[in-house]
Amino acid sequence: MPYSHEVEIFVRLCETDAIGHVNNTSHFRYFEEARGKFFNVIYPDRSSSFNLIIASIKCDYKQQAFAGQILTVITNIERIGNKSFTVTQLLKSKDSQAIIAKSELVLVCYDNLKGISIPIPEQLRKNLEIQLSYN
């Protein structure tokens, strides 16, 4: 199962702004789409009583992207703590492999019923550690 998870994104015209490049908010949508697919692979059982919430997210923009381009989002696990872990993502041009943007976010395991953060569940931790060891 371990690998750098990759998702291709086709940039649509509606994701660009008046200048003609991909709007800064679209990058976060690309990252979110890829993250969702990543977690469908490493932790498909979402029937438990906890959720993952974003504690921190940032995006460093490196180059412009434009409608019609095919981009690749690469998702990796960077760090695992007790209740949280860090996900890094690269948005790259499929053709040139140029880095368009870099994202880093911290996800926290959260008990919705109690309204508190909780330790990372054992099976999720194991799957995250497999991904971390691959990096």
N, C-alpha and C. Protein backbone atom coordinates (compact mmCIF):
# COMPACT_ATOMS: atom_id res chain seq x y z
N MET A 1 0.80 -1.22 0.00
CA MET A 1 0.00 0.00 0.00
C MET A 1 0.84 1.28 0.00
N PRO A 2 2.07 1.29 0.53
CA PRO A 2 2.77 2.58 0.62
C PRO A 2 3.20 3.13 -0.74
N TYR A 3 2.99 4.40 -0.92
CA TYR A 3 3.42 5.09 -2.12
C TYR A 3 3.10 6.56 -1.97
N SER A 4 3.70 7.36 -2.80
CA SER A 4 3.29 8.76 -2.89
C SER A 4 2.01 8.75 -3.71
N HIS A 5 0.95 9.23 -3.14
CA HIS A 5 -0.34 9.19 -3.80
C HIS A 5 -0.43 10.32 -4.81
N GLU A 6 -0.82 10.01 -6.04
CA GLU A 6 -0.91 11.01 -7.10
C GLU A 6 -2.30 11.05 -7.70
N VAL A 7 -2.78 12.27 -7.94
CA VAL A 7 -4.08 12.49 -8.56
C VAL A 7 -3.90 13.52 -9.67
N GLU A 8 -4.48 13.24 -10.84
CA GLU A 8 -4.43 14.21 -11.93
C GLU A 8 -5.64 15.13 -11.87
N ILE A 9 -5.39 16.40 -12.17
CA ILE A 9 -6.43 17.42 -12.17
C ILE A 9 -6.40 18.12 -13.53
N PHE A 10 -7.55 18.21 -14.18
CA PHE A 10 -7.67 18.98 -15.41
C PHE A 10 -8.19 20.37 -15.02
N VAL A 11 -7.44 21.41 -15.37
CA VAL A 11 -7.82 22.78 -15.01
C VAL A 11 -8.92 23.27 -15.94
N ARG A 12 -10.05 23.61 -15.37
CA ARG A 12 -11.19 24.11 -16.13
C ARG A 12 -11.14 25.65 -16.19
N LEU A 13 -11.73 26.19 -17.20
CA LEU A 13 -11.76 27.65 -17.38
C LEU A 13 -12.38 28.34 -16.17
N CYS A 14 -13.42 27.77 -15.58
CA CYS A 14 -14.10 28.39 -14.44
C CYS A 14 -13.22 28.46 -13.19
N GLU A 15 -12.07 27.81 -13.20
CA GLU A 15 -11.15 27.84 -12.06
C GLU A 15 -10.08 28.92 -12.21
N THR A 16 -10.19 29.70 -13.28
CA THR A 16 -9.23 30.78 -13.50
C THR A 16 -9.88 32.12 -13.14
N ASP A 17 -9.05 33.14 -13.06
CA ASP A 17 -9.57 34.47 -12.71
C ASP A 17 -9.42 35.43 -13.89
N ALA A 18 -9.66 36.70 -13.65
CA ALA A 18 -9.63 37.71 -14.72
C ALA A 18 -8.26 37.82 -15.38
N ILE A 19 -7.22 37.49 -14.67
CA ILE A 19 -5.86 37.54 -15.24
C ILE A 19 -5.62 36.36 -16.17
N GLY A 20 -6.40 35.30 -16.01
CA GLY A 20 -6.27 34.14 -16.87
C GLY A 20 -5.55 32.96 -16.25
N HIS A 21 -5.02 33.13 -15.05
CA HIS A 21 -4.37 31.99 -14.40
C HIS A 21 -5.30 31.38 -13.34
N VAL A 22 -4.92 30.21 -12.85
CA VAL A 22 -5.74 29.52 -11.85
C VAL A 22 -5.87 30.41 -10.62
N ASN A 23 -7.11 30.61 -10.20
CA ASN A 23 -7.39 31.43 -9.01
C ASN A 23 -6.80 30.75 -7.78
N ASN A 24 -6.31 31.57 -6.85
CA ASN A 24 -5.65 31.02 -5.66
C ASN A 24 -6.55 30.09 -4.85
N THR A 25 -7.85 30.30 -4.88
CA THR A 25 -8.75 29.42 -4.13
C THR A 25 -8.86 28.04 -4.77
N SER A 26 -8.62 27.95 -6.06
CA SER A 26 -8.73 26.66 -6.75
C SER A 26 -7.65 25.68 -6.29
N HIS A 27 -6.49 26.20 -5.95
CA HIS A 27 -5.41 25.33 -5.47
C HIS A 27 -5.89 24.51 -4.27
N PHE A 28 -6.60 25.17 -3.35
CA PHE A 28 -7.08 24.48 -2.16
C PHE A 28 -8.10 23.40 -2.53
N ARG A 29 -8.90 23.63 -3.56
CA ARG A 29 -9.84 22.60 -4.03
C ARG A 29 -9.09 21.41 -4.60
N TYR A 30 -8.04 21.67 -5.36
CA TYR A 30 -7.24 20.58 -5.92
C TYR A 30 -6.62 19.75 -4.79
N PHE A 31 -6.05 20.44 -3.81
CA PHE A 31 -5.44 19.73 -2.68
C PHE A 31 -6.49 18.92 -1.92
N GLU A 32 -7.66 19.49 -1.71
CA GLU A 32 -8.73 18.80 -0.99
C GLU A 32 -9.19 17.55 -1.75
N GLU A 33 -9.35 17.67 -3.05
CA GLU A 33 -9.76 16.52 -3.85
C GLU A 33 -8.75 15.38 -3.73
N ALA A 34 -7.48 15.72 -3.85
CA ALA A 34 -6.42 14.71 -3.77
C ALA A 34 -6.34 14.11 -2.37
N ARG A 35 -6.52 14.93 -1.35
CA ARG A 35 -6.50 14.43 0.04
C ARG A 35 -7.63 13.44 0.28
N GLY A 36 -8.81 13.76 -0.23
CA GLY A 36 -9.95 12.85 -0.08
C GLY A 36 -9.67 11.50 -0.71
N LYS A 37 -9.10 11.50 -1.89
CA LYS A 37 -8.76 10.25 -2.58
C LYS A 37 -7.65 9.50 -1.84
N PHE A 38 -6.71 10.24 -1.29
CA PHE A 38 -5.62 9.65 -0.50
C PHE A 38 -6.20 8.91 0.71
N PHE A 39 -7.11 9.56 1.43
CA PHE A 39 -7.68 8.94 2.62
C PHE A 39 -8.64 7.80 2.28
N ASN A 40 -9.25 7.83 1.11
CA ASN A 40 -10.06 6.69 0.68
C ASN A 40 -9.20 5.44 0.52
N VAL A 41 -7.93 5.63 0.19
CA VAL A 41 -7.02 4.51 0.03
C VAL A 41 -6.44 4.06 1.37
N ILE A 42 -5.94 5.00 2.17
CA ILE A 42 -5.24 4.57 3.39
C ILE A 42 -6.15 4.36 4.59
N TYR A 43 -7.37 4.90 4.56
CA TYR A 43 -8.30 4.70 5.68
C TYR A 43 -9.73 4.75 5.17
N PRO A 44 -10.13 3.69 4.45
CA PRO A 44 -11.45 3.71 3.82
C PRO A 44 -12.63 3.60 4.81
N ASP A 45 -12.39 3.08 6.01
CA ASP A 45 -13.48 2.91 6.98
C ASP A 45 -13.70 4.20 7.75
N ARG A 46 -14.67 4.98 7.29
CA ARG A 46 -14.96 6.26 7.94
C ARG A 46 -16.21 6.16 8.82
N SER A 47 -16.53 4.94 9.26
CA SER A 47 -17.75 4.75 10.04
C SER A 47 -17.54 5.03 11.52
N SER A 48 -16.33 5.36 11.92
CA SER A 48 -16.05 5.58 13.33
C SER A 48 -16.60 6.92 13.81
N SER A 49 -16.48 7.16 15.11
CA SER A 49 -17.09 8.34 15.72
C SER A 49 -16.17 9.56 15.73
N PHE A 50 -15.07 9.50 15.00
CA PHE A 50 -14.18 10.66 14.96
C PHE A 50 -14.11 11.22 13.55
N ASN A 51 -13.67 12.45 13.47
CA ASN A 51 -13.43 13.11 12.20
C ASN A 51 -12.02 13.68 12.19
N LEU A 52 -11.57 14.03 11.02
CA LEU A 52 -10.31 14.76 10.88
C LEU A 52 -10.66 16.21 10.60
N ILE A 53 -10.11 17.10 11.41
CA ILE A 53 -10.36 18.52 11.17
C ILE A 53 -9.03 19.22 10.89
N ILE A 54 -9.09 20.26 10.11
CA ILE A 54 -7.89 21.01 9.75
C ILE A 54 -7.59 22.02 10.85
N ALA A 55 -6.39 21.90 11.43
CA ALA A 55 -5.95 22.86 12.44
C ALA A 55 -5.14 23.98 11.79
N SER A 56 -4.45 23.66 10.71
CA SER A 56 -3.60 24.63 10.04
C SER A 56 -3.45 24.22 8.58
N ILE A 57 -3.44 25.22 7.71
CA ILE A 57 -3.21 24.94 6.29
C ILE A 57 -2.51 26.14 5.67
N LYS A 58 -1.55 25.84 4.81
CA LYS A 58 -0.87 26.92 4.10
C LYS A 58 -0.57 26.47 2.68
N CYS A 59 -0.39 27.45 1.83
CA CYS A 59 -0.08 27.17 0.43
C CYS A 59 0.96 28.18 -0.03
N ASP A 60 2.04 27.68 -0.59
CA ASP A 60 3.06 28.53 -1.19
C ASP A 60 2.92 28.41 -2.71
N TYR A 61 2.66 29.52 -3.33
CA TYR A 61 2.47 29.55 -4.79
C TYR A 61 3.83 29.75 -5.46
N LYS A 62 4.15 28.87 -6.42
CA LYS A 62 5.46 28.91 -7.06
C LYS A 62 5.39 29.37 -8.52
N GLN A 63 4.40 28.88 -9.25
CA GLN A 63 4.24 29.24 -10.66
C GLN A 63 2.76 29.30 -11.00
N GLN A 64 2.47 29.93 -12.10
CA GLN A 64 1.09 30.01 -12.56
C GLN A 64 0.68 28.72 -13.28
N ALA A 65 -0.63 28.48 -13.25
CA ALA A 65 -1.22 27.40 -14.03
C ALA A 65 -2.40 28.00 -14.79
N PHE A 66 -2.77 27.36 -15.90
CA PHE A 66 -3.79 27.94 -16.78
C PHE A 66 -4.82 26.89 -17.19
N ALA A 67 -5.97 27.37 -17.63
CA ALA A 67 -7.03 26.48 -18.11
C ALA A 67 -6.48 25.56 -19.20
N GLY A 68 -6.91 24.32 -19.15
CA GLY A 68 -6.47 23.34 -20.13
C GLY A 68 -5.26 22.53 -19.70
N GLN A 69 -4.54 23.00 -18.70
CA GLN A 69 -3.39 22.24 -18.23
C GLN A 69 -3.84 21.02 -17.45
N ILE A 70 -3.01 20.01 -17.46
CA ILE A 70 -3.21 18.86 -16.58
C ILE A 70 -2.17 18.96 -15.48
N LEU A 71 -2.65 18.95 -14.26
CA LEU A 71 -1.79 19.06 -13.08
C LEU A 71 -1.82 17.74 -12.32
N THR A 72 -0.78 17.52 -11.54
CA THR A 72 -0.70 16.34 -10.68
C THR A 72 -0.55 16.82 -9.25
N VAL A 73 -1.36 16.26 -8.35
CA VAL A 73 -1.22 16.52 -6.92
C VAL A 73 -0.61 15.29 -6.28
N ILE A 74 0.51 15.49 -5.60
CA ILE A 74 1.21 14.41 -4.91
C ILE A 74 1.02 14.63 -3.41
N THR A 75 0.50 13.62 -2.73
CA THR A 75 0.19 13.72 -1.30
C THR A 75 1.08 12.78 -0.50
N ASN A 76 1.67 13.30 0.57
CA ASN A 76 2.52 12.51 1.46
C ASN A 76 2.25 12.86 2.92
N ILE A 77 2.63 11.95 3.80
CA ILE A 77 2.59 12.20 5.24
C ILE A 77 3.98 12.68 5.65
N GLU A 78 4.03 13.80 6.34
CA GLU A 78 5.30 14.41 6.74
C GLU A 78 5.65 14.11 8.20
N ARG A 79 4.65 14.12 9.09
CA ARG A 79 4.90 13.96 10.52
C ARG A 79 3.65 13.38 11.18
N ILE A 80 3.88 12.55 12.21
CA ILE A 80 2.76 11.99 12.97
C ILE A 80 2.99 12.31 14.44
N GLY A 81 1.99 12.96 15.05
CA GLY A 81 2.03 13.26 16.47
C GLY A 81 1.09 12.35 17.23
N ASN A 82 0.68 12.75 18.43
CA ASN A 82 -0.23 11.95 19.23
C ASN A 82 -1.68 12.08 18.75
N LYS A 83 -2.11 13.33 18.53
CA LYS A 83 -3.49 13.59 18.11
C LYS A 83 -3.59 14.19 16.71
N SER A 84 -2.46 14.52 16.13
CA SER A 84 -2.45 15.19 14.83
C SER A 84 -1.35 14.65 13.94
N PHE A 85 -1.44 14.98 12.68
CA PHE A 85 -0.39 14.62 11.73
C PHE A 85 -0.34 15.68 10.63
N THR A 86 0.81 15.74 9.98
CA THR A 86 1.05 16.75 8.94
C THR A 86 1.06 16.09 7.56
N VAL A 87 0.32 16.69 6.66
CA VAL A 87 0.23 16.23 5.28
C VAL A 87 0.89 17.29 4.40
N THR A 88 1.76 16.86 3.49
CA THR A 88 2.33 17.78 2.51
C THR A 88 1.82 17.38 1.13
N GLN A 89 1.61 18.40 0.30
CA GLN A 89 1.13 18.15 -1.05
C GLN A 89 1.86 19.06 -2.03
N LEU A 90 2.18 18.50 -3.17
CA LEU A 90 2.78 19.25 -4.27
C LEU A 90 1.80 19.28 -5.43
N LEU A 91 1.65 20.43 -6.02
CA LEU A 91 0.86 20.58 -7.23
C LEU A 91 1.85 20.85 -8.36
N LYS A 92 1.90 19.93 -9.32
CA LYS A 92 2.89 20.03 -10.38
C LYS A 92 2.23 20.00 -11.75
N SER A 93 2.89 20.61 -12.71
CA SER A 93 2.47 20.48 -14.10
C SER A 93 2.80 19.06 -14.56
N LYS A 94 1.84 18.39 -15.14
CA LYS A 94 2.10 17.03 -15.61
C LYS A 94 3.14 17.03 -16.71
N ASP A 95 3.06 18.00 -17.62
CA ASP A 95 3.98 18.04 -18.76
C ASP A 95 5.41 18.40 -18.36
N SER A 96 5.58 19.52 -17.68
CA SER A 96 6.92 20.02 -17.39
C SER A 96 7.46 19.56 -16.03
N GLN A 97 6.59 19.03 -15.19
CA GLN A 97 6.94 18.65 -13.82
C GLN A 97 7.31 19.85 -12.94
N ALA A 98 7.07 21.05 -13.44
CA ALA A 98 7.32 22.26 -12.65
C ALA A 98 6.37 22.30 -11.45
N ILE A 99 6.88 22.74 -10.33
CA ILE A 99 6.05 22.86 -9.13
C ILE A 99 5.22 24.13 -9.24
N ILE A 100 3.91 23.97 -9.18
CA ILE A 100 2.98 25.09 -9.24
C ILE A 100 2.73 25.64 -7.83
N ALA A 101 2.55 24.74 -6.86
CA ALA A 101 2.28 25.16 -5.48
C ALA A 101 2.63 24.03 -4.53
N LYS A 102 2.88 24.42 -3.28
CA LYS A 102 3.15 23.46 -2.20
C LYS A 102 2.19 23.76 -1.07
N SER A 103 1.67 22.69 -0.48
CA SER A 103 0.75 22.86 0.64
C SER A 103 1.22 22.03 1.82
N GLU A 104 0.95 22.55 3.00
CA GLU A 104 1.20 21.80 4.23
C GLU A 104 0.02 22.02 5.14
N LEU A 105 -0.53 20.94 5.67
CA LEU A 105 -1.64 21.10 6.60
C LEU A 105 -1.50 20.14 7.75
N VAL A 106 -2.06 20.56 8.88
CA VAL A 106 -2.09 19.72 10.07
C VAL A 106 -3.53 19.30 10.28
N LEU A 107 -3.73 17.99 10.36
CA LEU A 107 -5.05 17.41 10.62
C LEU A 107 -5.07 16.86 12.04
N VAL A 108 -6.18 17.10 12.72
CA VAL A 108 -6.35 16.67 14.10
C VAL A 108 -7.51 15.69 14.15
N CYS A 109 -7.35 14.60 14.91
CA CYS A 109 -8.45 13.68 15.15
C CYS A 109 -9.35 14.30 16.20
N TYR A 110 -10.64 14.30 15.92
CA TYR A 110 -11.59 15.06 16.72
C TYR A 110 -12.83 14.21 16.99
N ASP A 111 -13.22 14.14 18.26
CA ASP A 111 -14.43 13.44 18.67
C ASP A 111 -15.59 14.42 18.59
N ASN A 112 -16.47 14.22 17.64
CA ASN A 112 -17.59 15.14 17.43
C ASN A 112 -18.55 15.17 18.61
N LEU A 113 -18.77 14.02 19.22
CA LEU A 113 -19.74 13.95 20.33
C LEU A 113 -19.23 14.67 21.58
N LYS A 114 -17.94 14.51 21.86
CA LYS A 114 -17.36 15.12 23.06
C LYS A 114 -16.81 16.52 22.79
N GLY A 115 -16.59 16.84 21.53
CA GLY A 115 -16.06 18.15 21.18
C GLY A 115 -14.61 18.35 21.59
N ILE A 116 -13.81 17.26 21.52
CA ILE A 116 -12.40 17.34 21.92
C ILE A 116 -11.52 16.61 20.90
N SER A 117 -10.24 16.98 20.89
CA SER A 117 -9.30 16.23 20.07
C SER A 117 -8.98 14.92 20.80
N ILE A 118 -8.67 13.90 20.02
CA ILE A 118 -8.41 12.57 20.57
C ILE A 118 -7.14 11.99 19.93
N PRO A 119 -6.52 11.00 20.57
CA PRO A 119 -5.36 10.34 19.96
C PRO A 119 -5.75 9.71 18.61
N ILE A 120 -4.79 9.67 17.72
CA ILE A 120 -5.01 9.05 16.41
C ILE A 120 -5.38 7.58 16.63
N PRO A 121 -6.50 7.11 16.08
CA PRO A 121 -6.88 5.71 16.22
C PRO A 121 -5.78 4.78 15.70
N GLU A 122 -5.67 3.62 16.33
CA GLU A 122 -4.58 2.70 16.07
C GLU A 122 -4.43 2.32 14.60
N GLN A 123 -5.52 1.94 13.95
CA GLN A 123 -5.42 1.51 12.55
C GLN A 123 -5.01 2.67 11.63
N LEU A 124 -5.56 3.85 11.88
CA LEU A 124 -5.15 5.01 11.09
C LEU A 124 -3.68 5.31 11.32
N ARG A 125 -3.23 5.24 12.58
CA ARG A 125 -1.82 5.49 12.89
C ARG A 125 -0.92 4.51 12.12
N LYS A 126 -1.29 3.25 12.12
CA LYS A 126 -0.48 2.24 11.41
C LYS A 126 -0.38 2.58 9.93
N ASN A 127 -1.51 2.94 9.34
CA ASN A 127 -1.51 3.27 7.91
C ASN A 127 -0.70 4.53 7.63
N LEU A 128 -0.80 5.52 8.51
CA LEU A 128 -0.01 6.75 8.36
C LEU A 128 1.49 6.44 8.49
N GLU A 129 1.85 5.57 9.43
CA GLU A 129 3.26 5.21 9.62
C GLU A 129 3.82 4.50 8.41
N ILE A 130 2.99 3.67 7.77
CA ILE A 130 3.44 3.01 6.53
C ILE A 130 3.74 4.06 5.48
N GLN A 131 2.85 5.03 5.34
CA GLN A 131 3.06 6.10 4.36
C GLN A 131 4.29 6.94 4.70
N LEU A 132 4.47 7.24 5.98
CA LEU A 132 5.61 8.04 6.42
C LEU A 132 6.92 7.31 6.13
N SER A 133 6.95 6.01 6.36
CA SER A 133 8.18 5.23 6.14
C SER A 133 8.56 5.17 4.68
N TYR A 134 7.56 5.32 3.81
CA TYR A 134 7.82 5.27 2.38
C TYR A 134 8.49 6.54 1.87
N ASN A 135 8.23 7.66 2.54
CA ASN A 135 8.74 8.96 2.06
C ASN A 135 10.22 9.02 2.10
